[in-house]
Amino acid sequence: MVTMDELYTQFDGVFFEKTRLSIVTLLNQDEKLAFTALKGRLGLSDGALYTHLEKLIRGNYVQKERVLTPGGAETRYRLTSYGHETFRGYVDFLGRLLETDR
């Protein structure tokens, strides 16, 4: 049986926070997302989103890049390989948790 201690000690506080986990989930689904797309989908203010993204960048879960678009410069975010690996570990952990619950 999987314990709650395993849930909270397997993933660090940077990754395992609901807003940041939501960001990681969206980036895992869409590969790359612009700041404005993340903001719209999460309903966060610029400052709140920026703060969460910077924590994920410092934790090596996410990286950003500036690209030129016809409308001007845009900042896009994507998961690093470490971010993908950690997210897969989280999904696998949830799968094991569900299997033991049956």
PDB file of N, CA and C in Angstrom:
ATOM      1  N   MET A   1       0.839  -1.187   0.000  1.00  0.00           N
ATOM      2  CA  MET A   1       0.000   0.000   0.000  1.00  0.00           C
ATOM      3  C   MET A   1       0.886   1.253   0.000  1.00  0.00           C
ATOM      4  N   VAL A   2       0.535   2.223  -0.786  1.00  0.00           N
ATOM      5  CA  VAL A   2       1.267   3.482  -0.874  1.00  0.00           C
ATOM      6  C   VAL A   2       0.814   4.388   0.264  1.00  0.00           C
ATOM      7  N   THR A   3       1.775   4.972   0.965  1.00  0.00           N
ATOM      8  CA  THR A   3       1.436   5.844   2.085  1.00  0.00           C
ATOM      9  C   THR A   3       1.475   7.303   1.661  1.00  0.00           C
ATOM     10  N   MET A   4       0.829   8.143   2.451  1.00  0.00           N
ATOM     11  CA  MET A   4       0.851   9.578   2.174  1.00  0.00           C
ATOM     12  C   MET A   4       2.267  10.133   2.298  1.00  0.00           C
ATOM     13  N   ASP A   5       3.087   9.553   3.184  1.00  0.00           N
ATOM     14  CA  ASP A   5       4.478  10.003   3.293  1.00  0.00           C
ATOM     15  C   ASP A   5       5.214   9.831   1.979  1.00  0.00           C
ATOM     16  N   GLU A   6       4.941   8.720   1.281  1.00  0.00           N
ATOM     17  CA  GLU A   6       5.574   8.512  -0.022  1.00  0.00           C
ATOM     18  C   GLU A   6       5.157   9.596  -1.007  1.00  0.00           C
ATOM     19  N   LEU A   7       3.900   9.992  -0.945  1.00  0.00           N
ATOM     20  CA  LEU A   7       3.396  11.022  -1.839  1.00  0.00           C
ATOM     21  C   LEU A   7       4.112  12.341  -1.602  1.00  0.00           C
ATOM     22  N   TYR A   8       4.263  12.725  -0.354  1.00  0.00           N
ATOM     23  CA  TYR A   8       4.816  14.038  -0.049  1.00  0.00           C
ATOM     24  C   TYR A   8       6.337  14.073  -0.027  1.00  0.00           C
ATOM     25  N   THR A   9       6.989  12.940   0.089  1.00  0.00           N
ATOM     26  CA  THR A   9       8.455  12.963   0.120  1.00  0.00           C
ATOM     27  C   THR A   9       9.075  12.587  -1.222  1.00  0.00           C
ATOM     28  N   GLN A  10       8.285  12.034  -2.120  1.00  0.00           N
ATOM     29  CA  GLN A  10       8.818  11.638  -3.416  1.00  0.00           C
ATOM     30  C   GLN A  10       9.048  12.836  -4.328  1.00  0.00           C
ATOM     31  N   PHE A  11       8.278  13.900  -4.149  1.00  0.00           N
ATOM     32  CA  PHE A  11       8.361  15.064  -5.017  1.00  0.00           C
ATOM     33  C   PHE A  11       8.626  16.301  -4.177  1.00  0.00           C
ATOM     34  N   ASP A  12       9.516  17.167  -4.657  1.00  0.00           N
ATOM     35  CA  ASP A  12       9.859  18.359  -3.880  1.00  0.00           C
ATOM     36  C   ASP A  12       8.741  19.405  -3.934  1.00  0.00           C
ATOM     37  N   GLY A  13       8.846  20.384  -3.067  1.00  0.00           N
ATOM     38  CA  GLY A  13       7.824  21.420  -2.938  1.00  0.00           C
ATOM     39  C   GLY A  13       7.712  22.325  -4.148  1.00  0.00           C
ATOM     40  N   VAL A  14       8.756  22.425  -4.943  1.00  0.00           N
ATOM     41  CA  VAL A  14       8.683  23.233  -6.161  1.00  0.00           C
ATOM     42  C   VAL A  14       7.741  22.556  -7.150  1.00  0.00           C
ATOM     43  N   PHE A  15       7.919  21.274  -7.349  1.00  0.00           N
ATOM     44  CA  PHE A  15       7.093  20.519  -8.289  1.00  0.00           C
ATOM     45  C   PHE A  15       5.695  20.273  -7.717  1.00  0.00           C
ATOM     46  N   PHE A  16       5.644  19.873  -6.468  1.00  0.00           N
ATOM     47  CA  PHE A  16       4.395  19.399  -5.862  1.00  0.00           C
ATOM     48  C   PHE A  16       3.640  20.535  -5.180  1.00  0.00           C
ATOM     49  N   GLU A  17       3.251  21.490  -5.964  1.00  0.00           N
ATOM     50  CA  GLU A  17       2.410  22.610  -5.531  1.00  0.00           C
ATOM     51  C   GLU A  17       1.357  22.747  -6.614  1.00  0.00           C
ATOM     52  N   LYS A  18       0.096  22.944  -6.241  1.00  0.00           N
ATOM     53  CA  LYS A  18      -0.995  22.770  -7.217  1.00  0.00           C
ATOM     54  C   LYS A  18      -0.887  23.649  -8.461  1.00  0.00           C
ATOM     55  N   THR A  19      -0.520  24.899  -8.320  1.00  0.00           N
ATOM     56  CA  THR A  19      -0.424  25.754  -9.514  1.00  0.00           C
ATOM     57  C   THR A  19       0.746  25.329 -10.387  1.00  0.00           C
ATOM     58  N   ARG A  20       1.882  25.061  -9.768  1.00  0.00           N
ATOM     59  CA  ARG A  20       3.044  24.634 -10.553  1.00  0.00           C
ATOM     60  C   ARG A  20       2.816  23.261 -11.181  1.00  0.00           C
ATOM     61  N   LEU A  21       2.133  22.374 -10.479  1.00  0.00           N
ATOM     62  CA  LEU A  21       1.797  21.075 -11.051  1.00  0.00           C
ATOM     63  C   LEU A  21       0.841  21.251 -12.230  1.00  0.00           C
ATOM     64  N   SER A  22      -0.051  22.229 -12.155  1.00  0.00           N
ATOM     65  CA  SER A  22      -0.944  22.536 -13.281  1.00  0.00           C
ATOM     66  C   SER A  22      -0.144  23.045 -14.477  1.00  0.00           C
ATOM     67  N   ILE A  23       0.839  23.893 -14.230  1.00  0.00           N
ATOM     68  CA  ILE A  23       1.701  24.404 -15.312  1.00  0.00           C
ATOM     69  C   ILE A  23       2.447  23.246 -15.972  1.00  0.00           C
ATOM     70  N   VAL A  24       3.032  22.388 -15.162  1.00  0.00           N
ATOM     71  CA  VAL A  24       3.783  21.243 -15.681  1.00  0.00           C
ATOM     72  C   VAL A  24       2.864  20.324 -16.485  1.00  0.00           C
ATOM     73  N   THR A  25       1.646  20.111 -16.008  1.00  0.00           N
ATOM     74  CA  THR A  25       0.687  19.267 -16.717  1.00  0.00           C
ATOM     75  C   THR A  25       0.347  19.860 -18.085  1.00  0.00           C
ATOM     76  N   LEU A  26       0.090  21.167 -18.136  1.00  0.00           N
ATOM     77  CA  LEU A  26      -0.209  21.815 -19.419  1.00  0.00           C
ATOM     78  C   LEU A  26       0.978  21.732 -20.368  1.00  0.00           C
ATOM     79  N   LEU A  27       2.177  21.959 -19.857  1.00  0.00           N
ATOM     80  CA  LEU A  27       3.362  21.891 -20.711  1.00  0.00           C
ATOM     81  C   LEU A  27       3.624  20.464 -21.178  1.00  0.00           C
ATOM     82  N   ASN A  28       3.293  19.498 -20.359  1.00  0.00           N
ATOM     83  CA  ASN A  28       3.449  18.109 -20.769  1.00  0.00           C
ATOM     84  C   ASN A  28       2.479  17.780 -21.911  1.00  0.00           C
ATOM     85  N   GLN A  29       1.289  18.345 -21.867  1.00  0.00           N
ATOM     86  CA  GLN A  29       0.293  18.098 -22.914  1.00  0.00           C
ATOM     87  C   GLN A  29       0.623  18.820 -24.210  1.00  0.00           C
ATOM     88  N   ASP A  30       1.052  20.071 -24.111  1.00  0.00           N
ATOM     89  CA  ASP A  30       1.195  20.923 -25.296  1.00  0.00           C
ATOM     90  C   ASP A  30       2.635  21.152 -25.747  1.00  0.00           C
ATOM     91  N   GLU A  31       3.592  20.633 -25.055  1.00  0.00           N
ATOM     92  CA  GLU A  31       5.019  20.787 -25.337  1.00  0.00           C
ATOM     93  C   GLU A  31       5.546  22.193 -25.131  1.00  0.00           C
ATOM     94  N   LYS A  32       5.018  23.177 -25.842  1.00  0.00           N
ATOM     95  CA  LYS A  32       5.447  24.569 -25.675  1.00  0.00           C
ATOM     96  C   LYS A  32       4.210  25.437 -25.559  1.00  0.00           C
ATOM     97  N   LEU A  33       4.246  26.372 -24.623  1.00  0.00           N
ATOM     98  CA  LEU A  33       3.147  27.327 -24.494  1.00  0.00           C
ATOM     99  C   LEU A  33       3.704  28.712 -24.227  1.00  0.00           C
ATOM    100  N   ALA A  34       3.079  29.696 -24.825  1.00  0.00           N
ATOM    101  CA  ALA A  34       3.446  31.089 -24.584  1.00  0.00           C
ATOM    102  C   ALA A  34       2.920  31.523 -23.224  1.00  0.00           C
ATOM    103  N   PHE A  35       3.567  32.532 -22.673  1.00  0.00           N
ATOM    104  CA  PHE A  35       3.161  33.091 -21.387  1.00  0.00           C
ATOM    105  C   PHE A  35       1.675  33.454 -21.400  1.00  0.00           C
ATOM    106  N   THR A  36       1.235  34.105 -22.470  1.00  0.00           N
ATOM    107  CA  THR A  36      -0.164  34.545 -22.549  1.00  0.00           C
ATOM    108  C   THR A  36      -1.129  33.359 -22.591  1.00  0.00           C
ATOM    109  N   ALA A  37      -0.740  32.272 -23.243  1.00  0.00           N
ATOM    110  CA  ALA A  37      -1.585  31.080 -23.286  1.00  0.00           C
ATOM    111  C   ALA A  37      -1.696  30.453 -21.900  1.00  0.00           C
ATOM    112  N   LEU A  38      -0.573  30.352 -21.203  1.00  0.00           N
ATOM    113  CA  LEU A  38      -0.601  29.818 -19.835  1.00  0.00           C
ATOM    114  C   LEU A  38      -1.455  30.693 -18.927  1.00  0.00           C
ATOM    115  N   LYS A  39      -1.268  31.978 -19.060  1.00  0.00           N
ATOM    116  CA  LYS A  39      -2.028  32.928 -18.234  1.00  0.00           C
ATOM    117  C   LYS A  39      -3.529  32.750 -18.456  1.00  0.00           C
ATOM    118  N   GLY A  40      -3.939  32.653 -19.706  1.00  0.00           N
ATOM    119  CA  GLY A  40      -5.348  32.499 -20.025  1.00  0.00           C
ATOM    120  C   GLY A  40      -5.929  31.185 -19.533  1.00  0.00           C
ATOM    121  N   ARG A  41      -5.179  30.110 -19.689  1.00  0.00           N
ATOM    122  CA  ARG A  41      -5.686  28.796 -19.294  1.00  0.00           C
ATOM    123  C   ARG A  41      -5.728  28.620 -17.787  1.00  0.00           C
ATOM    124  N   LEU A  42      -4.825  29.276 -17.085  1.00  0.00           N
ATOM    125  CA  LEU A  42      -4.773  29.124 -15.631  1.00  0.00           C
ATOM    126  C   LEU A  42      -5.516  30.224 -14.888  1.00  0.00           C
ATOM    127  N   GLY A  43      -5.801  31.324 -15.572  1.00  0.00           N
ATOM    128  CA  GLY A  43      -6.507  32.426 -14.934  1.00  0.00           C
ATOM    129  C   GLY A  43      -5.690  33.128 -13.859  1.00  0.00           C
ATOM    130  N   LEU A  44      -4.387  33.230 -14.093  1.00  0.00           N
ATOM    131  CA  LEU A  44      -3.488  33.864 -13.128  1.00  0.00           C
ATOM    132  C   LEU A  44      -3.119  35.272 -13.579  1.00  0.00           C
ATOM    133  N   SER A  45      -2.708  36.088 -12.628  1.00  0.00           N
ATOM    134  CA  SER A  45      -2.168  37.405 -12.969  1.00  0.00           C
ATOM    135  C   SER A  45      -0.763  37.217 -13.546  1.00  0.00           C
ATOM    136  N   ASP A  46      -0.269  38.244 -14.216  1.00  0.00           N
ATOM    137  CA  ASP A  46       1.095  38.190 -14.760  1.00  0.00           C
ATOM    138  C   ASP A  46       2.107  37.879 -13.664  1.00  0.00           C
ATOM    139  N   GLY A  47       1.994  38.598 -12.559  1.00  0.00           N
ATOM    140  CA  GLY A  47       2.966  38.435 -11.471  1.00  0.00           C
ATOM    141  C   GLY A  47       2.938  37.051 -10.856  1.00  0.00           C
ATOM    142  N   ALA A  48       1.742  36.509 -10.630  1.00  0.00           N
ATOM    143  CA  ALA A  48       1.629  35.175 -10.033  1.00  0.00           C
ATOM    144  C   ALA A  48       2.198  34.115 -10.967  1.00  0.00           C
ATOM    145  N   LEU A  49       1.834  34.194 -12.252  1.00  0.00           N
ATOM    146  CA  LEU A  49       2.341  33.216 -13.215  1.00  0.00           C
ATOM    147  C   LEU A  49       3.854  33.321 -13.336  1.00  0.00           C
ATOM    148  N   TYR A  50       4.375  34.524 -13.442  1.00  0.00           N
ATOM    149  CA  TYR A  50       5.817  34.727 -13.564  1.00  0.00           C
ATOM    150  C   TYR A  50       6.551  34.104 -12.369  1.00  0.00           C
ATOM    151  N   THR A  51       6.037  34.329 -11.171  1.00  0.00           N
ATOM    152  CA  THR A  51       6.674  33.798  -9.959  1.00  0.00           C
ATOM    153  C   THR A  51       6.703  32.278  -9.989  1.00  0.00           C
ATOM    154  N   HIS A  52       5.594  31.643 -10.355  1.00  0.00           N
ATOM    155  CA  HIS A  52       5.554  30.179 -10.423  1.00  0.00           C
ATOM    156  C   HIS A  52       6.490  29.653 -11.505  1.00  0.00           C
ATOM    157  N   LEU A  53       6.504  30.293 -12.668  1.00  0.00           N
ATOM    158  CA  LEU A  53       7.388  29.855 -13.738  1.00  0.00           C
ATOM    159  C   LEU A  53       8.856  29.987 -13.351  1.00  0.00           C
ATOM    160  N   GLU A  54       9.206  31.070 -12.695  1.00  0.00           N
ATOM    161  CA  GLU A  54      10.606  31.253 -12.279  1.00  0.00           C
ATOM    162  C   GLU A  54      11.029  30.178 -11.280  1.00  0.00           C
ATOM    163  N   LYS A  55      10.141  29.776 -10.396  1.00  0.00           N
ATOM    164  CA  LYS A  55      10.467  28.689  -9.456  1.00  0.00           C
ATOM    165  C   LYS A  55      10.682  27.388 -10.203  1.00  0.00           C
ATOM    166  N   LEU A  56       9.853  27.125 -11.199  1.00  0.00           N
ATOM    167  CA  LEU A  56      10.021  25.914 -11.996  1.00  0.00           C
ATOM    168  C   LEU A  56      11.309  25.958 -12.814  1.00  0.00           C
ATOM    169  N   ILE A  57      11.674  27.130 -13.300  1.00  0.00           N
ATOM    170  CA  ILE A  57      12.928  27.280 -14.049  1.00  0.00           C
ATOM    171  C   ILE A  57      14.120  27.050 -13.122  1.00  0.00           C
ATOM    172  N   ARG A  58      14.103  27.659 -11.956  1.00  0.00           N
ATOM    173  CA  ARG A  58      15.203  27.463 -11.000  1.00  0.00           C
ATOM    174  C   ARG A  58      15.324  26.008 -10.555  1.00  0.00           C
ATOM    175  N   GLY A  59      14.187  25.290 -10.525  1.00  0.00           N
ATOM    176  CA  GLY A  59      14.200  23.873 -10.162  1.00  0.00           C
ATOM    177  C   GLY A  59      14.551  22.956 -11.313  1.00  0.00           C
ATOM    178  N   ASN A  60      14.815  23.521 -12.491  1.00  0.00           N
ATOM    179  CA  ASN A  60      15.183  22.794 -13.703  1.00  0.00           C
ATOM    180  C   ASN A  60      14.040  21.949 -14.267  1.00  0.00           C
ATOM    181  N   TYR A  61      12.804  22.317 -13.980  1.00  0.00           N
ATOM    182  CA  TYR A  61      11.649  21.619 -14.541  1.00  0.00           C
ATOM    183  C   TYR A  61      11.222  22.232 -15.876  1.00  0.00           C
ATOM    184  N   VAL A  62      11.430  23.530 -16.024  1.00  0.00           N
ATOM    185  CA  VAL A  62      10.938  24.276 -17.183  1.00  0.00           C
ATOM    186  C   VAL A  62      12.050  25.156 -17.725  1.00  0.00           C
ATOM    187  N   GLN A  63      12.039  25.382 -19.026  1.00  0.00           N
ATOM    188  CA  GLN A  63      12.942  26.383 -19.611  1.00  0.00           C
ATOM    189  C   GLN A  63      12.127  27.317 -20.482  1.00  0.00           C
ATOM    190  N   LYS A  64      12.660  28.518 -20.657  1.00  0.00           N
ATOM    191  CA  LYS A  64      11.949  29.502 -21.468  1.00  0.00           C
ATOM    192  C   LYS A  64      12.817  29.944 -22.622  1.00  0.00           C
ATOM    193  N   GLU A  65      12.143  30.432 -23.656  1.00  0.00           N
ATOM    194  CA  GLU A  65      12.847  30.975 -24.804  1.00  0.00           C
ATOM    195  C   GLU A  65      12.045  32.153 -25.340  1.00  0.00           C
ATOM    196  N   ARG A  66      12.758  33.134 -25.827  1.00  0.00           N
ATOM    197  CA  ARG A  66      12.128  34.298 -26.468  1.00  0.00           C
ATOM    198  C   ARG A  66      12.175  34.069 -27.968  1.00  0.00           C
ATOM    199  N   VAL A  67      11.039  34.236 -28.610  1.00  0.00           N
ATOM    200  CA  VAL A  67      10.969  34.067 -30.062  1.00  0.00           C
ATOM    201  C   VAL A  67      10.308  35.286 -30.678  1.00  0.00           C
ATOM    202  N   LEU A  68      10.706  35.576 -31.901  1.00  0.00           N
ATOM    203  CA  LEU A  68      10.081  36.665 -32.634  1.00  0.00           C
ATOM    204  C   LEU A  68       8.907  36.116 -33.428  1.00  0.00           C
ATOM    205  N   THR A  69       7.770  36.773 -33.294  1.00  0.00           N
ATOM    206  CA  THR A  69       6.569  36.409 -34.034  1.00  0.00           C
ATOM    207  C   THR A  69       6.146  37.635 -34.847  1.00  0.00           C
ATOM    208  N   PRO A  70       5.233  37.467 -35.775  1.00  0.00           N
ATOM    209  CA  PRO A  70       4.763  38.642 -36.531  1.00  0.00           C
ATOM    210  C   PRO A  70       4.202  39.743 -35.625  1.00  0.00           C
ATOM    211  N   GLY A  71       3.691  39.358 -34.451  1.00  0.00           N
ATOM    212  CA  GLY A  71       3.136  40.339 -33.525  1.00  0.00           C
ATOM    213  C   GLY A  71       4.155  40.914 -32.552  1.00  0.00           C
ATOM    214  N   GLY A  72       5.378  40.453 -32.603  1.00  0.00           N
ATOM    215  CA  GLY A  72       6.420  40.924 -31.690  1.00  0.00           C
ATOM    216  C   GLY A  72       7.076  39.761 -30.969  1.00  0.00           C
ATOM    217  N   ALA A  73       7.833  40.057 -29.942  1.00  0.00           N
ATOM    218  CA  ALA A  73       8.531  39.022 -29.181  1.00  0.00           C
ATOM    219  C   ALA A  73       7.542  38.294 -28.270  1.00  0.00           C
ATOM    220  N   GLU A  74       7.794  37.007 -28.083  1.00  0.00           N
ATOM    221  CA  GLU A  74       6.927  36.177 -27.248  1.00  0.00           C
ATOM    222  C   GLU A  74       7.812  35.259 -26.414  1.00  0.00           C
ATOM    223  N   THR A  75       7.443  35.048 -25.179  1.00  0.00           N
ATOM    224  CA  THR A  75       8.167  34.118 -24.318  1.00  0.00           C
ATOM    225  C   THR A  75       7.396  32.809 -24.280  1.00  0.00           C
ATOM    226  N   ARG A  76       8.092  31.730 -24.624  1.00  0.00           N
ATOM    227  CA  ARG A  76       7.484  30.395 -24.615  1.00  0.00           C
ATOM    228  C   ARG A  76       8.192  29.517 -23.601  1.00  0.00           C
ATOM    229  N   TYR A  77       7.436  28.601 -23.048  1.00  0.00           N
ATOM    230  CA  TYR A  77       7.943  27.711 -22.007  1.00  0.00           C
ATOM    231  C   TYR A  77       7.741  26.269 -22.429  1.00  0.00           C
ATOM    232  N   ARG A  78       8.668  25.421 -21.989  1.00  0.00           N
ATOM    233  CA  ARG A  78       8.560  23.988 -22.232  1.00  0.00           C
ATOM    234  C   ARG A  78       9.230  23.243 -21.089  1.00  0.00           C
ATOM    235  N   LEU A  79       8.875  21.973 -20.945  1.00  0.00           N
ATOM    236  CA  LEU A  79       9.499  21.154 -19.917  1.00  0.00           C
ATOM    237  C   LEU A  79      10.916  20.780 -20.328  1.00  0.00           C
ATOM    238  N   THR A  80      11.791  20.705 -19.367  1.00  0.00           N
ATOM    239  CA  THR A  80      13.119  20.153 -19.592  1.00  0.00           C
ATOM    240  C   THR A  80      12.999  18.628 -19.561  1.00  0.00           C
ATOM    241  N   SER A  81      14.048  17.931 -19.893  1.00  0.00           N
ATOM    242  CA  SER A  81      14.009  16.466 -19.795  1.00  0.00           C
ATOM    243  C   SER A  81      13.773  16.050 -18.341  1.00  0.00           C
ATOM    244  N   TYR A  82      14.374  16.782 -17.404  1.00  0.00           N
ATOM    245  CA  TYR A  82      14.137  16.504 -15.983  1.00  0.00           C
ATOM    246  C   TYR A  82      12.670  16.736 -15.620  1.00  0.00           C
ATOM    247  N   GLY A  83      12.066  17.774 -16.172  1.00  0.00           N
ATOM    248  CA  GLY A  83      10.656  18.049 -15.931  1.00  0.00           C
ATOM    249  C   GLY A  83       9.772  16.935 -16.464  1.00  0.00           C
ATOM    250  N   HIS A  84      10.065  16.459 -17.674  1.00  0.00           N
ATOM    251  CA  HIS A  84       9.314  15.338 -18.240  1.00  0.00           C
ATOM    252  C   HIS A  84       9.474  14.086 -17.379  1.00  0.00           C
ATOM    253  N   GLU A  85      10.698  13.814 -16.987  1.00  0.00           N
ATOM    254  CA  GLU A  85      10.987  12.633 -16.181  1.00  0.00           C
ATOM    255  C   GLU A  85      10.238  12.693 -14.843  1.00  0.00           C
ATOM    256  N   THR A  86      10.264  13.830 -14.205  1.00  0.00           N
ATOM    257  CA  THR A  86       9.581  13.975 -12.924  1.00  0.00           C
ATOM    258  C   THR A  86       8.077  13.856 -13.092  1.00  0.00           C
ATOM    259  N   PHE A  87       7.534  14.443 -14.142  1.00  0.00           N
ATOM    260  CA  PHE A  87       6.092  14.343 -14.382  1.00  0.00           C
ATOM    261  C   PHE A  87       5.694  12.888 -14.639  1.00  0.00           C
ATOM    262  N   ARG A  88       6.476  12.167 -15.437  1.00  0.00           N
ATOM    263  CA  ARG A  88       6.186  10.744 -15.675  1.00  0.00           C
ATOM    264  C   ARG A  88       6.234   9.960 -14.370  1.00  0.00           C
ATOM    265  N   GLY A  89       7.202  10.279 -13.529  1.00  0.00           N
ATOM    266  CA  GLY A  89       7.286   9.620 -12.222  1.00  0.00           C
ATOM    267  C   GLY A  89       6.051   9.892 -11.380  1.00  0.00           C
ATOM    268  N   TYR A  90       5.556  11.117 -11.449  1.00  0.00           N
ATOM    269  CA  TYR A  90       4.355  11.494 -10.706  1.00  0.00           C
ATOM    270  C   TYR A  90       3.136  10.721 -11.224  1.00  0.00           C
ATOM    271  N   VAL A  91       2.976  10.634 -12.543  1.00  0.00           N
ATOM    272  CA  VAL A  91       1.854   9.902 -13.133  1.00  0.00           C
ATOM    273  C   VAL A  91       1.958   8.416 -12.789  1.00  0.00           C
ATOM    274  N   ASP A  92       3.161   7.851 -12.860  1.00  0.00           N
ATOM    275  CA  ASP A  92       3.357   6.450 -12.487  1.00  0.00           C
ATOM    276  C   ASP A  92       2.995   6.227 -11.028  1.00  0.00           C
ATOM    277  N   PHE A  93       3.406   7.150 -10.168  1.00  0.00           N
ATOM    278  CA  PHE A  93       3.085   7.050  -8.755  1.00  0.00           C
ATOM    279  C   PHE A  93       1.567   7.049  -8.550  1.00  0.00           C
ATOM    280  N   LEU A  94       0.862   7.951  -9.250  1.00  0.00           N
ATOM    281  CA  LEU A  94      -0.598   7.993  -9.124  1.00  0.00           C
ATOM    282  C   LEU A  94      -1.223   6.695  -9.624  1.00  0.00           C
ATOM    283  N   GLY A  95      -0.675   6.122 -10.678  1.00  0.00           N
ATOM    284  CA  GLY A  95      -1.164   4.835 -11.177  1.00  0.00           C
ATOM    285  C   GLY A  95      -1.012   3.734 -10.141  1.00  0.00           C
ATOM    286  N   ARG A  96       0.147   3.683  -9.491  1.00  0.00           N
ATOM    287  CA  ARG A  96       0.357   2.682  -8.440  1.00  0.00           C
ATOM    288  C   ARG A  96      -0.597   2.913  -7.273  1.00  0.00           C
ATOM    289  N   LEU A  97      -0.825   4.176  -6.950  1.00  0.00           N
ATOM    290  CA  LEU A  97      -1.743   4.522  -5.874  1.00  0.00           C
ATOM    291  C   LEU A  97      -3.160   4.029  -6.193  1.00  0.00           C
ATOM    292  N   LEU A  98      -3.584   4.220  -7.425  1.00  0.00           N
ATOM    293  CA  LEU A  98      -4.916   3.771  -7.829  1.00  0.00           C
ATOM    294  C   LEU A  98      -5.022   2.253  -7.857  1.00  0.00           C
ATOM    295  N   GLU A  99      -3.960   1.580  -8.273  1.00  0.00           N
ATOM    296  CA  GLU A  99      -3.972   0.116  -8.296  1.00  0.00           C
ATOM    297  C   GLU A  99      -4.098  -0.466  -6.900  1.00  0.00           C
ATOM    298  N   THR A 100      -3.443   0.120  -5.931  1.00  0.00           N
ATOM    299  CA  THR A 100      -3.516  -0.400  -4.566  1.00  0.00           C
ATOM    300  C   THR A 100      -4.840  -0.073  -3.908  1.00  0.00           C
ATOM    301  N   ASP A 101      -5.567   0.885  -4.476  1.00  0.00           N
ATOM    302  CA  ASP A 101      -6.853   1.292  -3.921  1.00  0.00           C
ATOM    303  C   ASP A 101      -7.961   0.328  -4.334  1.00  0.00           C
ATOM    304  N   ARG A 102      -7.732  -0.479  -5.367  1.00  0.00           N
ATOM    305  CA  ARG A 102      -8.781  -1.382  -5.882  1.00  0.00           C
ATOM    306  C   ARG A 102      -8.921  -2.610  -5.069  1.00  0.00           C
TER     307      ARG A 102
END
